[in-house]
């Protein structure tokens, strides 16, 4: 085996040790929090919070920022993470809330919601990003690019992403023709073509500029499809 191949094999272990070391730099029970779905044209934004069991983290080698993993790997890690956690919680905020408020407010609301659902009270809450939800929680810290630094945040990113992807697959059955099971609501050429053909549906974020193009000057939704057939 050459050095390049050996390095590739060791990379997941190196990432795991780096992520774990970051969390171990904090004293007390650590919760990681992350979101999925800030950018899509449709569907909810989802946040997850997880407190990993120190005795079970050895099985998390390979966990990384959800965006760096394939859908198949994320699905496999979902069950591993939930089994290796002291507790976890997931919270959704709808597209309607996003339209009425804004995506930042919706994201922070989802984060607050999942933290409040945790059955174990954390002493440290690591939030991915640069903003923390306004709540009566002590020890909360925003970690920029946290899903690439903290094992707990990386684990939370996987839970949030998998949960949202599953929700979008269900929406695909309710609103067929948009391809939600494929693009998960994100902006793609195929998604844009589907909206042109079918109009917008109830889970589209009408405050998002690409979707606004399909609303008339009086604010009426063009050809809105409210059924699944």
C-alpha atoms as a PDB file:
ATOM      1  CA  UNK A   1       0.000   0.000   0.000  1.00  0.00           C
ATOM      2  CA  UNK A   2       1.354   3.404  -0.999  1.00  0.00           C
ATOM      3  CA  UNK A   3       1.473   6.428   1.273  1.00  0.00           C
ATOM      4  CA  UNK A   4      -1.384   8.085  -0.596  1.00  0.00           C
ATOM      5  CA  UNK A   5      -3.692   5.085  -0.133  1.00  0.00           C
ATOM      6  CA  UNK A   6      -2.691   4.751   3.511  1.00  0.00           C
ATOM      7  CA  UNK A   7      -3.400   8.437   4.104  1.00  0.00           C
ATOM      8  CA  UNK A   8      -6.844   8.089   2.493  1.00  0.00           C
ATOM      9  CA  UNK A   9      -7.685   5.172   4.774  1.00  0.00           C
ATOM     10  CA  UNK A  10      -6.600   7.103   7.856  1.00  0.00           C
ATOM     11  CA  UNK A  11      -8.489  10.267   6.930  1.00  0.00           C
ATOM     12  CA  UNK A  12     -11.851   9.308   8.558  1.00  0.00           C
ATOM     13  CA  UNK A  13     -10.022   8.465  11.782  1.00  0.00           C
ATOM     14  CA  UNK A  14      -8.132  11.761  11.704  1.00  0.00           C
ATOM     15  CA  UNK A  15     -11.344  13.714  11.146  1.00  0.00           C
ATOM     16  CA  UNK A  16     -13.093  11.821  13.934  1.00  0.00           C
ATOM     17  CA  UNK A  17     -10.272  12.468  16.394  1.00  0.00           C
ATOM     18  CA  UNK A  18     -10.184  16.162  15.487  1.00  0.00           C
ATOM     19  CA  UNK A  19     -13.944  16.582  15.884  1.00  0.00           C
ATOM     20  CA  UNK A  20     -13.973  14.656  19.154  1.00  0.00           C
ATOM     21  CA  UNK A  21     -11.027  16.619  20.514  1.00  0.00           C
ATOM     22  CA  UNK A  22     -12.894  19.875  19.907  1.00  0.00           C
ATOM     23  CA  UNK A  23     -15.863  18.731  22.001  1.00  0.00           C
ATOM     24  CA  UNK A  24     -13.616  17.421  24.752  1.00  0.00           C
ATOM     25  CA  UNK A  25     -12.196  20.908  25.090  1.00  0.00           C
ATOM     26  CA  UNK A  26     -15.395  21.818  26.941  1.00  0.00           C
ATOM     27  CA  UNK A  27     -16.289  20.769  30.463  1.00  0.00           C
ATOM     28  CA  UNK A  28     -19.663  19.257  31.173  1.00  0.00           C
ATOM     29  CA  UNK A  29     -22.443  17.819  29.043  1.00  0.00           C
ATOM     30  CA  UNK A  30     -22.152  19.104  25.467  1.00  0.00           C
ATOM     31  CA  UNK A  31     -25.012  19.427  23.001  1.00  0.00           C
ATOM     32  CA  UNK A  32     -24.442  20.096  19.317  1.00  0.00           C
ATOM     33  CA  UNK A  33     -27.045  21.945  17.249  1.00  0.00           C
ATOM     34  CA  UNK A  34     -27.283  22.418  13.483  1.00  0.00           C
ATOM     35  CA  UNK A  35     -29.871  23.059  10.786  1.00  0.00           C
ATOM     36  CA  UNK A  36     -30.743  21.896   7.306  1.00  0.00           C
ATOM     37  CA  UNK A  37     -32.732  23.676   4.650  1.00  0.00           C
ATOM     38  CA  UNK A  38     -31.912  27.374   4.743  1.00  0.00           C
ATOM     39  CA  UNK A  39     -31.510  27.720   0.993  1.00  0.00           C
ATOM     40  CA  UNK A  40     -34.249  25.637  -0.679  1.00  0.00           C
ATOM     41  CA  UNK A  41     -37.182  27.158  -2.531  1.00  0.00           C
ATOM     42  CA  UNK A  42     -39.597  24.809  -0.792  1.00  0.00           C
ATOM     43  CA  UNK A  43     -40.184  22.908   2.422  1.00  0.00           C
ATOM     44  CA  UNK A  44     -39.348  23.503   6.078  1.00  0.00           C
ATOM     45  CA  UNK A  45     -36.113  24.418   7.765  1.00  0.00           C
ATOM     46  CA  UNK A  46     -35.106  21.709  10.243  1.00  0.00           C
ATOM     47  CA  UNK A  47     -32.835  21.842  13.277  1.00  0.00           C
ATOM     48  CA  UNK A  48     -31.455  19.006  15.368  1.00  0.00           C
ATOM     49  CA  UNK A  49     -29.797  18.903  18.771  1.00  0.00           C
ATOM     50  CA  UNK A  50     -27.848  15.922  20.047  1.00  0.00           C
ATOM     51  CA  UNK A  51     -25.972  14.986  23.197  1.00  0.00           C
ATOM     52  CA  UNK A  52     -23.604  12.132  22.422  1.00  0.00           C
ATOM     53  CA  UNK A  53     -22.946   9.349  24.905  1.00  0.00           C
ATOM     54  CA  UNK A  54     -19.195   9.411  25.687  1.00  0.00           C
ATOM     55  CA  UNK A  55     -19.291   5.616  25.907  1.00  0.00           C
ATOM     56  CA  UNK A  56     -20.675   5.278  22.380  1.00  0.00           C
ATOM     57  CA  UNK A  57     -18.713   7.782  20.325  1.00  0.00           C
ATOM     58  CA  UNK A  58     -16.187   5.218  19.089  1.00  0.00           C
ATOM     59  CA  UNK A  59     -18.808   4.030  16.614  1.00  0.00           C
ATOM     60  CA  UNK A  60     -19.016   7.468  15.024  1.00  0.00           C
ATOM     61  CA  UNK A  61     -15.786   7.294  13.055  1.00  0.00           C
ATOM     62  CA  UNK A  62     -16.650   8.591   9.596  1.00  0.00           C
ATOM     63  CA  UNK A  63     -19.114  11.200  10.848  1.00  0.00           C
ATOM     64  CA  UNK A  64     -18.480  14.572   9.224  1.00  0.00           C
ATOM     65  CA  UNK A  65     -20.319  17.653   8.036  1.00  0.00           C
ATOM     66  CA  UNK A  66     -23.466  16.243   6.397  1.00  0.00           C
ATOM     67  CA  UNK A  67     -22.723  18.125   3.170  1.00  0.00           C
ATOM     68  CA  UNK A  68     -19.546  16.068   2.750  1.00  0.00           C
ATOM     69  CA  UNK A  69     -21.333  12.718   3.009  1.00  0.00           C
ATOM     70  CA  UNK A  70     -23.424  10.853   0.457  1.00  0.00           C
ATOM     71  CA  UNK A  71     -27.138  10.414   1.082  1.00  0.00           C
ATOM     72  CA  UNK A  72     -26.557   6.703   1.671  1.00  0.00           C
ATOM     73  CA  UNK A  73     -23.920   7.381   4.324  1.00  0.00           C
ATOM     74  CA  UNK A  74     -26.080  10.000   6.026  1.00  0.00           C
ATOM     75  CA  UNK A  75     -28.961   7.549   6.254  1.00  0.00           C
ATOM     76  CA  UNK A  76     -26.683   4.883   7.751  1.00  0.00           C
ATOM     77  CA  UNK A  77     -25.206   7.304  10.279  1.00  0.00           C
ATOM     78  CA  UNK A  78     -28.652   8.531  11.359  1.00  0.00           C
ATOM     79  CA  UNK A  79     -29.370   5.281  13.201  1.00  0.00           C
ATOM     80  CA  UNK A  80     -25.810   5.036  14.520  1.00  0.00           C
ATOM     81  CA  UNK A  81     -25.946   8.572  15.911  1.00  0.00           C
ATOM     82  CA  UNK A  82     -29.333   8.153  17.554  1.00  0.00           C
ATOM     83  CA  UNK A  83     -28.129   4.915  19.152  1.00  0.00           C
ATOM     84  CA  UNK A  84     -24.908   6.584  20.340  1.00  0.00           C
ATOM     85  CA  UNK A  85     -26.655   9.560  21.923  1.00  0.00           C
ATOM     86  CA  UNK A  86     -27.829  10.235  25.452  1.00  0.00           C
ATOM     87  CA  UNK A  87     -30.679  12.125  23.811  1.00  0.00           C
ATOM     88  CA  UNK A  88     -31.527  14.006  20.650  1.00  0.00           C
ATOM     89  CA  UNK A  89     -34.353  16.170  19.348  1.00  0.00           C
ATOM     90  CA  UNK A  90     -35.488  17.508  15.996  1.00  0.00           C
ATOM     91  CA  UNK A  91     -37.653  20.538  15.251  1.00  0.00           C
ATOM     92  CA  UNK A  92     -39.201  21.868  12.024  1.00  0.00           C
ATOM     93  CA  UNK A  93     -40.353  25.349  11.073  1.00  0.00           C
ATOM     94  CA  UNK A  94     -42.666  25.636   8.080  1.00  0.00           C
ATOM     95  CA  UNK A  95     -42.255  27.557   4.861  1.00  0.00           C
ATOM     96  CA  UNK A  96     -45.155  29.778   5.918  1.00  0.00           C
ATOM     97  CA  UNK A  97     -43.259  30.891   9.024  1.00  0.00           C
ATOM     98  CA  UNK A  98     -40.220  31.543   6.831  1.00  0.00           C
ATOM     99  CA  UNK A  99     -42.339  33.734   4.542  1.00  0.00           C
ATOM    100  CA  UNK A 100     -43.955  35.618   7.434  1.00  0.00           C
ATOM    101  CA  UNK A 101     -40.697  36.214   9.312  1.00  0.00           C
ATOM    102  CA  UNK A 102     -37.428  35.390   7.536  1.00  0.00           C
ATOM    103  CA  UNK A 103     -35.114  32.424   7.230  1.00  0.00           C
ATOM    104  CA  UNK A 104     -32.813  33.509  10.065  1.00  0.00           C
ATOM    105  CA  UNK A 105     -35.724  33.873  12.476  1.00  0.00           C
ATOM    106  CA  UNK A 106     -37.101  30.515  11.332  1.00  0.00           C
ATOM    107  CA  UNK A 107     -33.727  28.821  11.773  1.00  0.00           C
ATOM    108  CA  UNK A 108     -33.227  30.183  15.286  1.00  0.00           C
ATOM    109  CA  UNK A 109     -36.800  29.212  16.194  1.00  0.00           C
ATOM    110  CA  UNK A 110     -36.155  25.655  15.024  1.00  0.00           C
ATOM    111  CA  UNK A 111     -32.903  25.544  16.999  1.00  0.00           C
ATOM    112  CA  UNK A 112     -34.607  26.809  20.137  1.00  0.00           C
ATOM    113  CA  UNK A 113     -37.346  24.232  19.667  1.00  0.00           C
ATOM    114  CA  UNK A 114     -35.032  21.238  19.469  1.00  0.00           C
ATOM    115  CA  UNK A 115     -32.941  22.415  22.435  1.00  0.00           C
ATOM    116  CA  UNK A 116     -36.090  22.694  24.548  1.00  0.00           C
ATOM    117  CA  UNK A 117     -37.046  19.123  23.631  1.00  0.00           C
ATOM    118  CA  UNK A 118     -33.806  17.573  24.947  1.00  0.00           C
ATOM    119  CA  UNK A 119     -34.516  15.205  27.833  1.00  0.00           C
ATOM    120  CA  UNK A 120     -31.022  15.775  29.271  1.00  0.00           C
ATOM    121  CA  UNK A 121     -30.041  19.325  30.187  1.00  0.00           C
ATOM    122  CA  UNK A 122     -26.716  20.283  28.567  1.00  0.00           C
ATOM    123  CA  UNK A 123     -24.166  22.497  30.242  1.00  0.00           C
ATOM    124  CA  UNK A 124     -22.652  23.598  26.934  1.00  0.00           C
ATOM    125  CA  UNK A 125     -24.659  24.146  23.743  1.00  0.00           C
ATOM    126  CA  UNK A 126     -22.600  24.472  20.570  1.00  0.00           C
ATOM    127  CA  UNK A 127     -24.557  26.145  17.769  1.00  0.00           C
ATOM    128  CA  UNK A 128     -23.376  25.919  14.179  1.00  0.00           C
ATOM    129  CA  UNK A 129     -23.052  29.355  12.606  1.00  0.00           C
ATOM    130  CA  UNK A 130     -22.741  32.878  13.926  1.00  0.00           C
ATOM    131  CA  UNK A 131     -26.073  33.341  15.721  1.00  0.00           C
ATOM    132  CA  UNK A 132     -27.585  31.781  18.836  1.00  0.00           C
ATOM    133  CA  UNK A 133     -31.325  31.597  19.539  1.00  0.00           C
ATOM    134  CA  UNK A 134     -32.647  34.006  22.151  1.00  0.00           C
ATOM    135  CA  UNK A 135     -33.543  31.773  25.058  1.00  0.00           C
ATOM    136  CA  UNK A 136     -32.872  31.163  28.724  1.00  0.00           C
ATOM    137  CA  UNK A 137     -29.983  28.792  28.104  1.00  0.00           C
ATOM    138  CA  UNK A 138     -26.586  29.234  29.706  1.00  0.00           C
ATOM    139  CA  UNK A 139     -23.348  28.133  28.113  1.00  0.00           C
ATOM    140  CA  UNK A 140     -24.531  28.673  24.549  1.00  0.00           C
ATOM    141  CA  UNK A 141     -21.814  29.325  21.960  1.00  0.00           C
ATOM    142  CA  UNK A 142     -21.988  29.972  18.218  1.00  0.00           C
ATOM    143  CA  UNK A 143     -19.282  28.106  16.299  1.00  0.00           C
ATOM    144  CA  UNK A 144     -18.660  29.269  12.748  1.00  0.00           C
ATOM    145  CA  UNK A 145     -18.310  26.239  10.437  1.00  0.00           C
ATOM    146  CA  UNK A 146     -19.041  24.164  13.521  1.00  0.00           C
ATOM    147  CA  UNK A 147     -20.128  21.124  11.518  1.00  0.00           C
ATOM    148  CA  UNK A 148     -16.491  20.825  10.386  1.00  0.00           C
ATOM    149  CA  UNK A 149     -15.080  21.369  13.893  1.00  0.00           C
ATOM    150  CA  UNK A 150     -17.320  19.636  16.435  1.00  0.00           C
ATOM    151  CA  UNK A 151     -18.399  15.985  16.510  1.00  0.00           C
ATOM    152  CA  UNK A 152     -21.660  16.906  18.233  1.00  0.00           C
ATOM    153  CA  UNK A 153     -22.506  19.572  15.664  1.00  0.00           C
ATOM    154  CA  UNK A 154     -21.538  17.274  12.775  1.00  0.00           C
ATOM    155  CA  UNK A 155     -23.819  14.594  14.228  1.00  0.00           C
ATOM    156  CA  UNK A 156     -26.638  17.123  14.567  1.00  0.00           C
ATOM    157  CA  UNK A 157     -26.119  18.210  10.956  1.00  0.00           C
ATOM    158  CA  UNK A 158     -26.684  14.628   9.807  1.00  0.00           C
ATOM    159  CA  UNK A 159     -29.844  14.216  11.891  1.00  0.00           C
ATOM    160  CA  UNK A 160     -31.286  17.475  10.567  1.00  0.00           C
ATOM    161  CA  UNK A 161     -30.398  16.713   6.958  1.00  0.00           C
ATOM    162  CA  UNK A 162     -31.758  13.161   6.970  1.00  0.00           C
ATOM    163  CA  UNK A 163     -34.972  14.221   8.706  1.00  0.00           C
ATOM    164  CA  UNK A 164     -35.547  16.985   6.175  1.00  0.00           C
ATOM    165  CA  UNK A 165     -34.729  14.759   3.197  1.00  0.00           C
ATOM    166  CA  UNK A 166     -37.283  12.227   4.435  1.00  0.00           C
ATOM    167  CA  UNK A 167     -39.873  14.977   4.813  1.00  0.00           C
ATOM    168  CA  UNK A 168     -39.243  16.139   1.251  1.00  0.00           C
ATOM    169  CA  UNK A 169     -39.672  12.600  -0.057  1.00  0.00           C
ATOM    170  CA  UNK A 170     -43.065  12.549   1.647  1.00  0.00           C
ATOM    171  CA  UNK A 171     -43.945  15.906   0.087  1.00  0.00           C
ATOM    172  CA  UNK A 172     -43.045  14.413  -3.289  1.00  0.00           C
ATOM    173  CA  UNK A 173     -45.918  11.960  -2.831  1.00  0.00           C
ATOM    174  CA  UNK A 174     -48.292  14.746  -1.788  1.00  0.00           C
ATOM    175  CA  UNK A 175     -47.260  17.109  -4.581  1.00  0.00           C
ATOM    176  CA  UNK A 176     -46.055  14.906  -7.460  1.00  0.00           C
ATOM    177  CA  UNK A 177     -44.343  16.352 -10.469  1.00  0.00           C
ATOM    178  CA  UNK A 178     -42.008  18.779  -8.710  1.00  0.00           C
ATOM    179  CA  UNK A 179     -39.243  16.256  -8.091  1.00  0.00           C
ATOM    180  CA  UNK A 180     -38.956  16.975  -4.360  1.00  0.00           C
ATOM    181  CA  UNK A 181     -37.525  13.526  -3.652  1.00  0.00           C
ATOM    182  CA  UNK A 182     -34.584  14.374  -5.896  1.00  0.00           C
ATOM    183  CA  UNK A 183     -33.643  18.027  -5.394  1.00  0.00           C
ATOM    184  CA  UNK A 184     -35.232  18.236  -1.898  1.00  0.00           C
ATOM    185  CA  UNK A 185     -36.681  21.646  -2.688  1.00  0.00           C
ATOM    186  CA  UNK A 186     -33.403  23.269  -3.704  1.00  0.00           C
ATOM    187  CA  UNK A 187     -33.207  25.474  -6.756  1.00  0.00           C
ATOM    188  CA  UNK A 188     -32.438  23.461  -9.865  1.00  0.00           C
ATOM    189  CA  UNK A 189     -33.303  23.809 -13.531  1.00  0.00           C
ATOM    190  CA  UNK A 190     -35.690  20.865 -13.214  1.00  0.00           C
ATOM    191  CA  UNK A 191     -37.387  22.468 -10.208  1.00  0.00           C
ATOM    192  CA  UNK A 192     -37.831  25.750 -12.072  1.00  0.00           C
ATOM    193  CA  UNK A 193     -39.306  23.943 -15.074  1.00  0.00           C
ATOM    194  CA  UNK A 194     -41.737  22.079 -12.810  1.00  0.00           C
ATOM    195  CA  UNK A 195     -42.963  25.354 -11.303  1.00  0.00           C
ATOM    196  CA  UNK A 196     -43.421  26.829 -14.787  1.00  0.00           C
ATOM    197  CA  UNK A 197     -45.504  23.817 -15.747  1.00  0.00           C
ATOM    198  CA  UNK A 198     -47.466  23.214 -12.538  1.00  0.00           C
ATOM    199  CA  UNK A 199     -47.407  26.536 -10.718  1.00  0.00           C
ATOM    200  CA  UNK A 200     -46.325  26.795  -7.091  1.00  0.00           C
ATOM    201  CA  UNK A 201     -47.591  24.466  -4.371  1.00  0.00           C
ATOM    202  CA  UNK A 202     -48.323  25.084  -0.657  1.00  0.00           C
ATOM    203  CA  UNK A 203     -44.797  24.253   0.514  1.00  0.00           C
ATOM    204  CA  UNK A 204     -43.030  26.756  -1.735  1.00  0.00           C
ATOM    205  CA  UNK A 205     -41.350  29.719  -0.044  1.00  0.00           C
ATOM    206  CA  UNK A 206     -43.060  32.621  -1.770  1.00  0.00           C
ATOM    207  CA  UNK A 207     -40.719  35.150  -0.142  1.00  0.00           C
ATOM    208  CA  UNK A 208     -37.770  33.679  -2.046  1.00  0.00           C
ATOM    209  CA  UNK A 209     -36.919  35.634  -5.182  1.00  0.00           C
ATOM    210  CA  UNK A 210     -36.911  32.691  -7.648  1.00  0.00           C
ATOM    211  CA  UNK A 211     -40.394  31.694  -6.439  1.00  0.00           C
ATOM    212  CA  UNK A 212     -41.707  35.276  -6.460  1.00  0.00           C
ATOM    213  CA  UNK A 213     -41.410  35.234 -10.237  1.00  0.00           C
ATOM    214  CA  UNK A 214     -44.409  32.915 -10.294  1.00  0.00           C
ATOM    215  CA  UNK A 215     -46.670  35.302  -8.350  1.00  0.00           C
ATOM    216  CA  UNK A 216     -48.683  37.999 -10.119  1.00  0.00           C
ATOM    217  CA  UNK A 217     -48.490  41.733  -9.436  1.00  0.00           C
ATOM    218  CA  UNK A 218     -51.419  41.609  -6.991  1.00  0.00           C
ATOM    219  CA  UNK A 219     -49.762  38.983  -4.831  1.00  0.00           C
ATOM    220  CA  UNK A 220     -51.842  36.068  -6.069  1.00  0.00           C
ATOM    221  CA  UNK A 221     -50.166  32.725  -6.453  1.00  0.00           C
ATOM    222  CA  UNK A 222     -50.276  31.577 -10.034  1.00  0.00           C
ATOM    223  CA  UNK A 223     -51.867  28.192 -10.660  1.00  0.00           C
ATOM    224  CA  UNK A 224     -51.355  27.029  -7.086  1.00  0.00           C
ATOM    225  CA  UNK A 225     -51.798  23.290  -6.815  1.00  0.00           C
ATOM    226  CA  UNK A 226     -53.297  22.274  -3.467  1.00  0.00           C
ATOM    227  CA  UNK A 227     -53.918  18.627  -4.119  1.00  0.00           C
ATOM    228  CA  UNK A 228     -51.652  15.676  -4.599  1.00  0.00           C
ATOM    229  CA  UNK A 229     -53.335  14.390  -7.738  1.00  0.00           C
END
